[in-house]
Amino acid sequence: MERMKQLEKTLKALANKRRLAIVAHLKKNKEAAVTDIARAIKLSVKATSKHLAILSAVDILDYEQRSLRVYYRLGDAIPAVARYVFSIL
């Protein structure tokens, strides 16, 4: 049952066009700062940060803070179902 719950959380995190745009952007660019991602997907930094937090919570993204900027990249422990979705983006 726990596996099903995790699968549900991962799929819900990916079931949003803005979050899919973030994943596609990071797949193409490998790593980007929040402000760069926000600009690329045409969304405010605040809203983009919320989407990034949702993707990070289900291990889709990893992040690193450097000085005042936070950089995101696709995670090292991406769930298999997310990897499949990435392959079709």
N, C-alpha and C. Protein backbone atom coordinates (compact mmCIF):
# COMPACT_ATOMS: atom_id res chain seq x y z
N MET A 1 0.82 -1.20 0.00
CA MET A 1 0.00 0.00 0.00
C MET A 1 0.86 1.26 0.00
N GLU A 2 1.99 1.23 0.72
CA GLU A 2 2.88 2.38 0.77
C GLU A 2 3.43 2.72 -0.62
N ARG A 3 3.73 1.69 -1.39
CA ARG A 3 4.24 1.90 -2.76
C ARG A 3 3.20 2.62 -3.62
N MET A 4 1.93 2.23 -3.46
CA MET A 4 0.85 2.86 -4.22
C MET A 4 0.70 4.33 -3.82
N LYS A 5 0.86 4.61 -2.54
CA LYS A 5 0.75 5.99 -2.04
C LYS A 5 1.86 6.85 -2.63
N GLN A 6 3.08 6.31 -2.68
CA GLN A 6 4.21 7.04 -3.25
C GLN A 6 4.00 7.26 -4.75
N LEU A 7 3.50 6.26 -5.43
CA LEU A 7 3.20 6.38 -6.86
C LEU A 7 2.17 7.49 -7.10
N GLU A 8 1.15 7.50 -6.26
CA GLU A 8 0.11 8.53 -6.38
C GLU A 8 0.69 9.93 -6.18
N LYS A 9 1.54 10.11 -5.17
CA LYS A 9 2.16 11.41 -4.91
C LYS A 9 3.02 11.86 -6.09
N THR A 10 3.78 10.94 -6.64
CA THR A 10 4.64 11.27 -7.78
C THR A 10 3.81 11.68 -8.99
N LEU A 11 2.77 10.90 -9.29
CA LEU A 11 1.94 11.22 -10.44
C LEU A 11 1.19 12.53 -10.25
N LYS A 12 0.73 12.81 -9.03
CA LYS A 12 0.06 14.08 -8.77
C LYS A 12 1.03 15.25 -8.95
N ALA A 13 2.27 15.06 -8.53
CA ALA A 13 3.26 16.12 -8.69
C ALA A 13 3.51 16.42 -10.17
N LEU A 14 3.43 15.40 -11.00
CA LEU A 14 3.68 15.58 -12.43
C LEU A 14 2.43 15.98 -13.21
N ALA A 15 1.28 15.93 -12.59
CA ALA A 15 0.01 16.20 -13.27
C ALA A 15 -0.31 17.70 -13.30
N ASN A 16 0.64 18.47 -13.80
CA ASN A 16 0.47 19.92 -13.87
C ASN A 16 1.36 20.43 -15.01
N LYS A 17 0.79 21.23 -15.90
CA LYS A 17 1.56 21.67 -17.08
C LYS A 17 2.76 22.53 -16.71
N ARG A 18 2.65 23.31 -15.65
CA ARG A 18 3.80 24.14 -15.23
C ARG A 18 4.93 23.27 -14.71
N ARG A 19 4.59 22.25 -13.93
CA ARG A 19 5.64 21.37 -13.39
C ARG A 19 6.27 20.54 -14.51
N LEU A 20 5.47 20.13 -15.49
CA LEU A 20 6.04 19.42 -16.64
C LEU A 20 6.96 20.35 -17.42
N ALA A 21 6.60 21.62 -17.52
CA ALA A 21 7.46 22.59 -18.20
C ALA A 21 8.78 22.75 -17.44
N ILE A 22 8.72 22.75 -16.12
CA ILE A 22 9.94 22.84 -15.31
C ILE A 22 10.83 21.63 -15.57
N VAL A 23 10.24 20.45 -15.56
CA VAL A 23 11.01 19.23 -15.81
C VAL A 23 11.63 19.26 -17.21
N ALA A 24 10.86 19.67 -18.20
CA ALA A 24 11.38 19.75 -19.57
C ALA A 24 12.54 20.75 -19.65
N HIS A 25 12.40 21.88 -18.97
CA HIS A 25 13.46 22.89 -18.95
C HIS A 25 14.73 22.33 -18.31
N LEU A 26 14.58 21.65 -17.20
CA LEU A 26 15.76 21.09 -16.52
C LEU A 26 16.35 19.91 -17.27
N LYS A 27 15.52 19.18 -17.99
CA LYS A 27 16.03 18.07 -18.81
C LYS A 27 16.93 18.64 -19.91
N LYS A 28 16.52 19.77 -20.46
CA LYS A 28 17.28 20.40 -21.54
C LYS A 28 18.52 21.13 -21.02
N ASN A 29 18.38 21.83 -19.89
CA ASN A 29 19.46 22.69 -19.38
C ASN A 29 20.28 22.10 -18.25
N LYS A 30 19.92 20.94 -17.77
CA LYS A 30 20.62 20.23 -16.69
C LYS A 30 20.47 20.89 -15.32
N GLU A 31 20.65 22.20 -15.23
CA GLU A 31 20.57 22.91 -13.95
C GLU A 31 20.17 24.36 -14.23
N ALA A 32 19.39 24.92 -13.32
CA ALA A 32 18.99 26.33 -13.49
C ALA A 32 18.57 26.92 -12.15
N ALA A 33 18.75 28.23 -12.05
CA ALA A 33 18.32 28.97 -10.86
C ALA A 33 16.81 29.20 -10.93
N VAL A 34 16.20 29.42 -9.79
CA VAL A 34 14.75 29.64 -9.72
C VAL A 34 14.33 30.76 -10.66
N THR A 35 15.08 31.86 -10.64
CA THR A 35 14.70 32.99 -11.50
C THR A 35 14.76 32.65 -12.98
N ASP A 36 15.73 31.85 -13.37
CA ASP A 36 15.85 31.43 -14.77
C ASP A 36 14.70 30.50 -15.16
N ILE A 37 14.34 29.61 -14.26
CA ILE A 37 13.22 28.70 -14.52
C ILE A 37 11.93 29.49 -14.65
N ALA A 38 11.72 30.44 -13.73
CA ALA A 38 10.51 31.27 -13.75
C ALA A 38 10.40 32.02 -15.07
N ARG A 39 11.49 32.58 -15.52
CA ARG A 39 11.49 33.32 -16.78
C ARG A 39 11.18 32.37 -17.95
N ALA A 40 11.77 31.19 -17.93
CA ALA A 40 11.57 30.24 -19.02
C ALA A 40 10.13 29.74 -19.14
N ILE A 41 9.47 29.57 -18.00
CA ILE A 41 8.09 29.06 -18.04
C ILE A 41 7.05 30.17 -17.90
N LYS A 42 7.54 31.41 -17.89
CA LYS A 42 6.66 32.60 -17.83
C LYS A 42 5.72 32.58 -16.63
N LEU A 43 6.33 32.48 -15.46
CA LEU A 43 5.59 32.43 -14.21
C LEU A 43 6.38 33.24 -13.17
N SER A 44 5.69 33.72 -12.16
CA SER A 44 6.38 34.48 -11.12
C SER A 44 7.36 33.58 -10.36
N VAL A 45 8.34 34.21 -9.74
CA VAL A 45 9.32 33.46 -8.95
C VAL A 45 8.63 32.77 -7.78
N LYS A 46 7.69 33.44 -7.14
CA LYS A 46 6.98 32.86 -6.00
C LYS A 46 6.20 31.60 -6.41
N ALA A 47 5.45 31.68 -7.50
CA ALA A 47 4.68 30.52 -7.96
C ALA A 47 5.61 29.40 -8.42
N THR A 48 6.69 29.77 -9.10
CA THR A 48 7.67 28.78 -9.56
C THR A 48 8.29 28.06 -8.37
N SER A 49 8.61 28.79 -7.32
CA SER A 49 9.20 28.19 -6.12
C SER A 49 8.26 27.17 -5.49
N LYS A 50 6.98 27.45 -5.50
CA LYS A 50 6.00 26.49 -4.96
C LYS A 50 5.98 25.21 -5.79
N HIS A 51 6.01 25.35 -7.11
CA HIS A 51 6.04 24.17 -7.97
C HIS A 51 7.34 23.38 -7.76
N LEU A 52 8.44 24.08 -7.63
CA LEU A 52 9.72 23.41 -7.39
C LEU A 52 9.71 22.65 -6.07
N ALA A 53 9.09 23.21 -5.05
CA ALA A 53 9.01 22.54 -3.75
C ALA A 53 8.20 21.24 -3.86
N ILE A 54 7.13 21.27 -4.63
CA ILE A 54 6.32 20.06 -4.81
C ILE A 54 7.13 18.98 -5.52
N LEU A 55 7.87 19.35 -6.55
CA LEU A 55 8.69 18.37 -7.27
C LEU A 55 9.84 17.86 -6.41
N SER A 56 10.39 18.71 -5.58
CA SER A 56 11.48 18.28 -4.68
C SER A 56 10.97 17.33 -3.61
N ALA A 57 9.75 17.55 -3.14
CA ALA A 57 9.18 16.73 -2.07
C ALA A 57 9.01 15.27 -2.48
N VAL A 58 8.88 15.02 -3.78
CA VAL A 58 8.71 13.62 -4.24
C VAL A 58 9.98 13.12 -4.94
N ASP A 59 11.12 13.73 -4.62
CA ASP A 59 12.44 13.30 -5.10
C ASP A 59 12.63 13.40 -6.61
N ILE A 60 11.87 14.28 -7.26
CA ILE A 60 12.07 14.48 -8.69
C ILE A 60 13.21 15.46 -8.93
N LEU A 61 13.34 16.44 -8.05
CA LEU A 61 14.39 17.45 -8.18
C LEU A 61 15.30 17.47 -6.96
N ASP A 62 16.53 17.83 -7.22
CA ASP A 62 17.49 18.13 -6.16
C ASP A 62 17.84 19.61 -6.29
N TYR A 63 18.27 20.22 -5.20
CA TYR A 63 18.63 21.63 -5.27
C TYR A 63 19.85 21.91 -4.41
N GLU A 64 20.46 23.04 -4.74
CA GLU A 64 21.65 23.47 -4.01
C GLU A 64 21.61 24.99 -3.91
N GLN A 65 21.83 25.51 -2.72
CA GLN A 65 21.87 26.96 -2.55
C GLN A 65 23.30 27.42 -2.67
N ARG A 66 23.50 28.42 -3.53
CA ARG A 66 24.81 29.04 -3.70
C ARG A 66 24.62 30.53 -3.49
N SER A 67 25.16 31.00 -2.41
CA SER A 67 24.98 32.40 -2.02
C SER A 67 23.48 32.68 -1.87
N LEU A 68 22.93 33.61 -2.62
CA LEU A 68 21.51 33.94 -2.48
C LEU A 68 20.63 33.21 -3.50
N ARG A 69 21.22 32.47 -4.40
CA ARG A 69 20.46 31.79 -5.45
C ARG A 69 20.33 30.30 -5.14
N VAL A 70 19.19 29.73 -5.55
CA VAL A 70 18.94 28.30 -5.40
C VAL A 70 18.90 27.70 -6.80
N TYR A 71 19.70 26.66 -7.01
CA TYR A 71 19.79 25.99 -8.31
C TYR A 71 19.13 24.62 -8.21
N TYR A 72 18.34 24.28 -9.21
CA TYR A 72 17.65 23.00 -9.25
C TYR A 72 18.16 22.17 -10.41
N ARG A 73 18.09 20.87 -10.24
CA ARG A 73 18.44 19.90 -11.29
C ARG A 73 17.58 18.66 -11.07
N LEU A 74 17.49 17.82 -12.09
CA LEU A 74 16.76 16.57 -11.93
C LEU A 74 17.47 15.74 -10.87
N GLY A 75 16.69 15.10 -10.03
CA GLY A 75 17.24 14.36 -8.90
C GLY A 75 18.02 13.11 -9.27
N ASP A 76 18.80 12.65 -8.32
CA ASP A 76 19.57 11.41 -8.51
C ASP A 76 18.71 10.18 -8.24
N ALA A 77 17.69 10.32 -7.41
CA ALA A 77 16.84 9.18 -7.03
C ALA A 77 15.42 9.34 -7.58
N ILE A 78 15.33 9.66 -8.86
CA ILE A 78 14.02 9.90 -9.49
C ILE A 78 13.22 8.59 -9.52
N PRO A 79 11.97 8.63 -9.07
CA PRO A 79 11.12 7.42 -9.13
C PRO A 79 10.98 6.94 -10.58
N ALA A 80 10.85 5.64 -10.76
CA ALA A 80 10.78 5.03 -12.10
C ALA A 80 9.66 5.62 -12.95
N VAL A 81 8.51 5.82 -12.36
CA VAL A 81 7.39 6.36 -13.12
C VAL A 81 7.71 7.77 -13.63
N ALA A 82 8.42 8.55 -12.85
CA ALA A 82 8.81 9.89 -13.28
C ALA A 82 9.82 9.80 -14.42
N ARG A 83 10.76 8.86 -14.35
CA ARG A 83 11.72 8.67 -15.43
C ARG A 83 11.00 8.35 -16.74
N TYR A 84 9.95 7.55 -16.65
CA TYR A 84 9.17 7.22 -17.85
C TYR A 84 8.53 8.49 -18.43
N VAL A 85 7.94 9.30 -17.58
CA VAL A 85 7.31 10.55 -18.04
C VAL A 85 8.36 11.44 -18.68
N PHE A 86 9.55 11.53 -18.10
CA PHE A 86 10.62 12.36 -18.64
C PHE A 86 11.00 11.88 -20.04
N SER A 87 10.97 10.58 -20.25
CA SER A 87 11.40 10.04 -21.55
C SER A 87 10.47 10.45 -22.68
N ILE A 88 9.23 10.81 -22.37
CA ILE A 88 8.30 11.21 -23.43
C ILE A 88 8.14 12.72 -23.54
N LEU A 89 8.85 13.47 -22.72
CA LEU A 89 8.79 14.94 -22.81
C LEU A 89 9.68 15.43 -23.92
